[in-house]
Amino acid sequence: MSAIASWRTALVTGASSGIGAAVARQLAAGGTDLVVVARDRPRLDALATELTDRHPGLTVEVLPADLADAGQLAAVEARVADAATERPVDLLVNNAGFGTYGPFVDADLDVEEREIRVNVVAVVRLTHAAVRAMVPRGRGAIVNIASVAGLQATPGNATYGSTKAYVAMFGEALHTELSGTGVTVTTVLPGFTRTEFQERAGIEGRRIPSPAWQSADDVAAEALAAARAGKPWVVTGRLNKLAAASVNLAPRALRRWGAARVISRL
């Protein structure tokens, strides 16, 4: 096993594609066993086969679940909380999530509620299960994938941005609460990342400048490096760091106007 392995077993949600799959691959390369969670069972099975073929001796558990469904979410909570297993989870990566875009007045409210369940409720419940298991052991890490969209109110992106703002503030507060316990919470704020997210959100093909994009591999690498270092917060990508640093320099009204202008031109 690689010397960079920091955790024995990690549970990764949204592991079937994008940032979640990249995180799983990088953890596997470091010798960390995995529990991979997503709705798409065939993709999870394919990922498990790929990783165990590439890394002999690695264990990859496949746990299909729709995190918007309370019963299926409870099954994932139970796995996170299970201290009796031979492979207790000592790294939780809350990556699953999706976005909706467009005027809220036209939104399908059932879809918006589902978005809140996946992006917020699942994160809270899984994080709670993790800390209840990890704190008594005095060791563990949680990585919550938020977004730079949570740093700025953006018209046309109200529900998604608000869910990510919640995840960001939630994680930062918990990191401080857990100080001295041996358990850390790292909040990761990516920007535009080349995944299936844009297609699923209905914004594929918009005019987003090439320098604004990151690869899922780069985001995953920054996220895991920050978690290994026990950092509370990381904005991924140089341009995103600059944008995040400038958020509070302008008046709120000007920031809202600017955000709306940017979205309208994409």
Protein backbone atom coordinates (compact mmCIF):
# COMPACT_ATOMS: atom_id res chain seq x y z
CA MET A 1 0.00 0.00 0.00
CA SER A 2 1.08 3.56 -0.66
CA ALA A 3 2.60 5.56 2.16
CA ILE A 4 0.09 8.34 1.51
CA ALA A 5 -2.83 6.24 2.77
CA SER A 6 -4.44 8.18 5.63
CA TRP A 7 -7.60 6.19 6.18
CA ARG A 8 -8.44 2.52 6.23
CA THR A 9 -12.04 2.75 4.95
CA ALA A 10 -13.82 5.65 3.25
CA LEU A 11 -17.48 5.99 2.33
CA VAL A 12 -18.01 8.21 -0.72
CA THR A 13 -21.46 9.37 -1.84
CA GLY A 14 -22.11 10.29 -5.44
CA ALA A 15 -19.28 7.91 -6.33
CA SER A 16 -20.59 6.77 -9.70
CA SER A 17 -19.20 9.76 -11.65
CA GLY A 18 -17.48 13.14 -11.49
CA ILE A 19 -15.75 14.31 -8.33
CA GLY A 20 -16.99 11.32 -6.33
CA ALA A 21 -15.49 8.80 -8.75
CA ALA A 22 -12.24 10.77 -8.85
CA VAL A 23 -12.07 10.78 -5.04
CA ALA A 24 -12.71 7.03 -4.97
CA ARG A 25 -9.96 6.34 -7.51
CA GLN A 26 -7.42 8.48 -5.66
CA LEU A 27 -8.26 6.91 -2.32
CA ALA A 28 -7.98 3.43 -3.84
CA ALA A 29 -4.56 4.31 -5.25
CA GLY A 30 -3.49 5.21 -1.71
CA GLY A 31 -4.66 1.88 -0.30
CA THR A 32 -7.95 2.98 1.28
CA ASP A 33 -10.82 0.48 1.16
CA LEU A 34 -14.09 1.94 -0.04
CA VAL A 35 -17.83 1.95 0.38
CA VAL A 36 -19.24 3.56 -2.77
CA VAL A 37 -22.72 5.04 -2.76
CA ALA A 38 -24.91 6.30 -5.60
CA ARG A 39 -28.25 5.55 -7.27
CA ASP A 40 -26.71 3.87 -10.32
CA ARG A 41 -25.89 0.26 -9.34
CA PRO A 42 -24.34 -0.73 -12.71
CA ARG A 43 -21.91 2.19 -12.59
CA LEU A 44 -20.96 1.41 -9.01
CA ASP A 45 -20.37 -2.23 -9.92
CA ALA A 46 -18.18 -1.17 -12.84
CA LEU A 47 -16.19 1.17 -10.61
CA ALA A 48 -15.73 -1.55 -7.99
CA THR A 49 -14.46 -3.98 -10.62
CA GLU A 50 -12.09 -1.38 -12.06
CA LEU A 51 -10.60 -0.54 -8.67
CA THR A 52 -10.22 -4.08 -7.37
CA ASP A 53 -8.64 -5.18 -10.67
CA ARG A 54 -6.23 -2.26 -10.57
CA HIS A 55 -5.40 -2.59 -6.86
CA PRO A 56 -5.27 -6.25 -5.76
CA GLY A 57 -6.25 -6.68 -2.13
CA LEU A 58 -8.50 -3.62 -2.10
CA THR A 59 -12.04 -4.03 -0.77
CA VAL A 60 -14.84 -2.05 -2.43
CA GLU A 61 -18.35 -2.36 -1.01
CA VAL A 62 -21.17 -1.29 -3.32
CA LEU A 63 -24.11 0.39 -1.57
CA PRO A 64 -26.74 1.67 -4.02
CA ALA A 65 -28.99 4.34 -2.52
CA ASP A 66 -31.12 7.31 -3.47
CA LEU A 67 -30.25 9.78 -0.74
CA ALA A 68 -33.51 11.68 -1.28
CA ASP A 69 -35.35 8.59 -0.03
CA ALA A 70 -35.46 8.46 3.79
CA GLY A 71 -35.34 4.67 3.95
CA GLN A 72 -32.39 4.34 1.59
CA LEU A 73 -30.58 7.18 3.33
CA ALA A 74 -31.08 5.36 6.65
CA ALA A 75 -29.26 2.33 5.22
CA VAL A 76 -26.24 4.51 4.39
CA GLU A 77 -26.39 6.13 7.84
CA ALA A 78 -26.31 2.67 9.38
CA ARG A 79 -23.17 1.75 7.43
CA VAL A 80 -21.45 4.98 8.46
CA ALA A 81 -22.37 4.42 12.09
CA ASP A 82 -21.48 0.71 12.22
CA ALA A 83 -18.58 0.39 14.62
CA ALA A 84 -18.86 -3.40 14.85
CA THR A 85 -17.81 -4.06 11.26
CA GLU A 86 -14.25 -5.10 10.46
CA ARG A 87 -13.97 -1.96 8.35
CA PRO A 88 -15.49 0.98 10.23
CA VAL A 89 -15.69 4.16 8.18
CA ASP A 90 -12.98 6.60 9.20
CA LEU A 91 -13.44 8.97 6.23
CA LEU A 92 -16.83 10.16 5.04
CA VAL A 93 -16.99 12.09 1.77
CA ASN A 94 -20.37 13.79 1.31
CA ASN A 95 -20.17 14.46 -2.40
CA ALA A 96 -23.62 13.54 -3.75
CA GLY A 97 -25.67 16.49 -4.96
CA PHE A 98 -27.33 18.14 -7.92
CA GLY A 99 -28.37 21.59 -9.06
CA THR A 100 -31.35 23.30 -10.63
CA TYR A 101 -31.24 26.56 -12.56
CA GLY A 102 -33.85 29.06 -13.72
CA PRO A 103 -36.48 31.37 -12.21
CA PHE A 104 -37.84 30.00 -8.95
CA VAL A 105 -41.37 30.97 -9.96
CA ASP A 106 -41.15 28.40 -12.78
CA ALA A 107 -39.48 25.69 -10.69
CA ASP A 108 -40.91 22.23 -10.07
CA LEU A 109 -41.22 22.37 -6.29
CA ASP A 110 -40.94 18.61 -5.90
CA VAL A 111 -37.56 18.73 -7.65
CA GLU A 112 -36.45 21.66 -5.50
CA GLU A 113 -37.39 19.72 -2.37
CA ARG A 114 -35.50 16.68 -3.62
CA GLU A 115 -32.48 18.93 -4.18
CA ILE A 116 -32.64 20.09 -0.56
CA ARG A 117 -32.96 16.50 0.67
CA VAL A 118 -29.87 15.34 -1.25
CA ASN A 119 -27.72 18.45 -0.86
CA VAL A 120 -28.56 19.28 2.76
CA VAL A 121 -30.57 16.67 4.67
CA ALA A 122 -28.39 13.75 3.57
CA VAL A 123 -25.23 15.68 4.43
CA VAL A 124 -26.53 16.51 7.91
CA ARG A 125 -27.72 13.00 8.68
CA LEU A 126 -24.60 11.26 7.38
CA THR A 127 -22.32 13.73 9.14
CA HIS A 128 -24.20 13.15 12.39
CA ALA A 129 -23.85 9.38 11.99
CA ALA A 130 -20.14 9.81 11.32
CA VAL A 131 -19.31 12.05 14.27
CA ARG A 132 -21.28 9.84 16.66
CA ALA A 133 -19.11 6.91 15.56
CA MET A 134 -15.79 8.73 15.14
CA VAL A 135 -15.60 10.90 18.25
CA PRO A 136 -15.57 7.96 20.70
CA ARG A 137 -12.72 6.43 18.65
CA GLY A 138 -10.84 9.73 18.71
CA ARG A 139 -10.14 9.59 14.99
CA GLY A 140 -11.83 10.32 11.69
CA ALA A 141 -12.43 12.82 8.95
CA ILE A 142 -15.41 14.19 7.08
CA VAL A 143 -15.23 15.95 3.72
CA ASN A 144 -18.29 17.91 2.65
CA ILE A 145 -18.39 19.10 -0.96
CA ALA A 146 -20.00 22.53 -1.07
CA SER A 147 -19.47 25.03 -3.92
CA VAL A 148 -18.32 28.58 -4.55
CA ALA A 149 -21.98 29.06 -5.54
CA GLY A 150 -22.69 29.08 -1.81
CA LEU A 151 -20.60 32.21 -1.30
CA GLN A 152 -22.73 34.54 -3.41
CA ALA A 153 -26.49 34.90 -3.81
CA THR A 154 -27.14 34.36 -7.50
CA PRO A 155 -30.56 35.01 -9.07
CA GLY A 156 -31.64 32.01 -11.10
CA ASN A 157 -29.63 29.72 -8.84
CA ALA A 158 -31.46 30.32 -5.57
CA THR A 159 -32.07 26.81 -4.27
CA TYR A 160 -28.76 25.26 -5.31
CA GLY A 161 -26.68 28.18 -4.02
CA SER A 162 -28.58 28.17 -0.74
CA THR A 163 -28.01 24.46 -0.20
CA LYS A 164 -24.29 24.91 -0.74
CA ALA A 165 -24.20 27.93 1.56
CA TYR A 166 -25.74 25.73 4.24
CA VAL A 167 -23.16 22.99 3.69
CA ALA A 168 -20.33 25.53 3.85
CA MET A 169 -21.43 27.15 7.12
CA PHE A 170 -22.42 23.80 8.65
CA GLY A 171 -19.03 22.26 7.99
CA GLU A 172 -17.04 25.26 9.15
CA ALA A 173 -18.96 25.39 12.43
CA LEU A 174 -18.55 21.66 13.06
CA HIS A 175 -14.81 21.79 12.43
CA THR A 176 -14.51 24.21 15.37
CA GLU A 177 -16.95 22.23 17.54
CA LEU A 178 -14.88 19.09 17.06
CA SER A 179 -11.53 20.69 17.83
CA GLY A 180 -9.51 18.41 20.10
CA THR A 181 -11.59 15.29 19.41
CA GLY A 182 -9.34 13.87 16.71
CA VAL A 183 -12.17 14.26 14.17
CA THR A 184 -11.98 16.91 11.44
CA VAL A 185 -14.48 18.37 9.00
CA THR A 186 -13.15 19.81 5.75
CA THR A 187 -15.45 21.89 3.55
CA VAL A 188 -14.51 21.89 -0.14
CA LEU A 189 -15.73 24.64 -2.46
CA PRO A 190 -15.15 23.88 -6.15
CA GLY A 191 -16.25 26.04 -9.05
CA PHE A 192 -17.02 24.86 -12.59
CA THR A 193 -15.83 21.25 -12.81
CA ARG A 194 -15.89 19.02 -15.87
CA THR A 195 -18.46 16.41 -14.79
CA GLU A 196 -22.00 15.42 -15.75
CA PHE A 197 -23.34 18.03 -13.32
CA GLN A 198 -23.95 20.71 -15.96
CA GLU A 199 -25.83 18.34 -18.26
CA ARG A 200 -28.06 17.14 -15.45
CA ALA A 201 -28.70 20.71 -14.31
CA GLY A 202 -29.70 21.75 -17.83
CA ILE A 203 -26.86 24.23 -18.37
CA GLU A 204 -24.61 22.22 -20.68
CA GLY A 205 -23.17 24.27 -23.54
CA ARG A 206 -23.30 27.66 -21.82
CA ARG A 207 -20.47 30.07 -22.58
CA ILE A 208 -18.20 29.46 -19.62
CA PRO A 209 -14.59 30.58 -20.23
CA SER A 210 -12.12 27.72 -20.44
CA PRO A 211 -9.83 29.01 -17.63
CA ALA A 212 -12.78 28.81 -15.21
CA TRP A 213 -12.93 25.02 -15.46
CA GLN A 214 -11.20 22.40 -13.34
CA SER A 215 -11.02 18.67 -13.83
CA ALA A 216 -12.69 16.33 -11.34
CA ASP A 217 -9.25 14.82 -10.66
CA ASP A 218 -7.80 18.19 -9.67
CA VAL A 219 -10.72 18.97 -7.36
CA ALA A 220 -10.46 15.54 -5.75
CA ALA A 221 -6.72 15.93 -5.20
CA GLU A 222 -7.12 19.33 -3.52
CA ALA A 223 -9.98 18.04 -1.38
CA LEU A 224 -8.06 15.01 -0.12
CA ALA A 225 -4.89 17.01 0.50
CA ALA A 226 -6.87 19.48 2.61
CA ALA A 227 -8.53 16.65 4.56
CA ARG A 228 -5.17 14.96 5.23
CA ALA A 229 -3.89 18.27 6.58
CA GLY A 230 -6.99 18.67 8.76
CA LYS A 231 -7.92 21.97 7.11
CA PRO A 232 -11.40 23.34 7.78
CA TRP A 233 -11.93 24.93 4.38
CA VAL A 234 -10.52 24.84 0.86
CA VAL A 235 -11.60 26.68 -2.29
CA THR A 236 -10.25 24.68 -5.22
CA GLY A 237 -8.57 26.27 -8.23
CA ARG A 238 -6.60 29.49 -8.49
CA LEU A 239 -9.36 31.55 -10.15
CA ASN A 240 -11.93 30.33 -7.64
CA LYS A 241 -9.64 31.33 -4.78
CA LEU A 242 -9.35 34.83 -6.22
CA ALA A 243 -13.11 35.10 -6.72
CA ALA A 244 -13.83 33.86 -3.20
CA ALA A 245 -11.36 36.32 -1.69
CA SER A 246 -13.05 39.23 -3.47
CA VAL A 247 -16.62 38.29 -2.51
CA ASN A 248 -16.86 40.59 0.50
CA LEU A 249 -15.10 43.58 -1.08
CA ALA A 250 -18.14 44.88 -3.00
CA PRO A 251 -21.53 45.96 -1.58
CA ARG A 252 -24.12 43.15 -1.50
CA ALA A 253 -26.43 44.89 -3.98
CA LEU A 254 -23.60 45.27 -6.48
CA ARG A 255 -22.60 41.63 -6.02
CA ARG A 256 -26.17 40.46 -6.67
CA TRP A 257 -26.37 42.60 -9.80
CA GLY A 258 -23.04 41.32 -11.05
CA ALA A 259 -23.94 37.69 -10.38
CA ALA A 260 -27.22 38.08 -12.26
CA ARG A 261 -25.41 39.66 -15.22
CA VAL A 262 -22.88 36.83 -15.37
CA ILE A 263 -25.59 34.15 -15.27
CA SER A 264 -27.66 35.90 -17.95
CA ARG A 265 -24.69 35.88 -20.35
CA LEU A 266 -23.74 32.23 -19.94
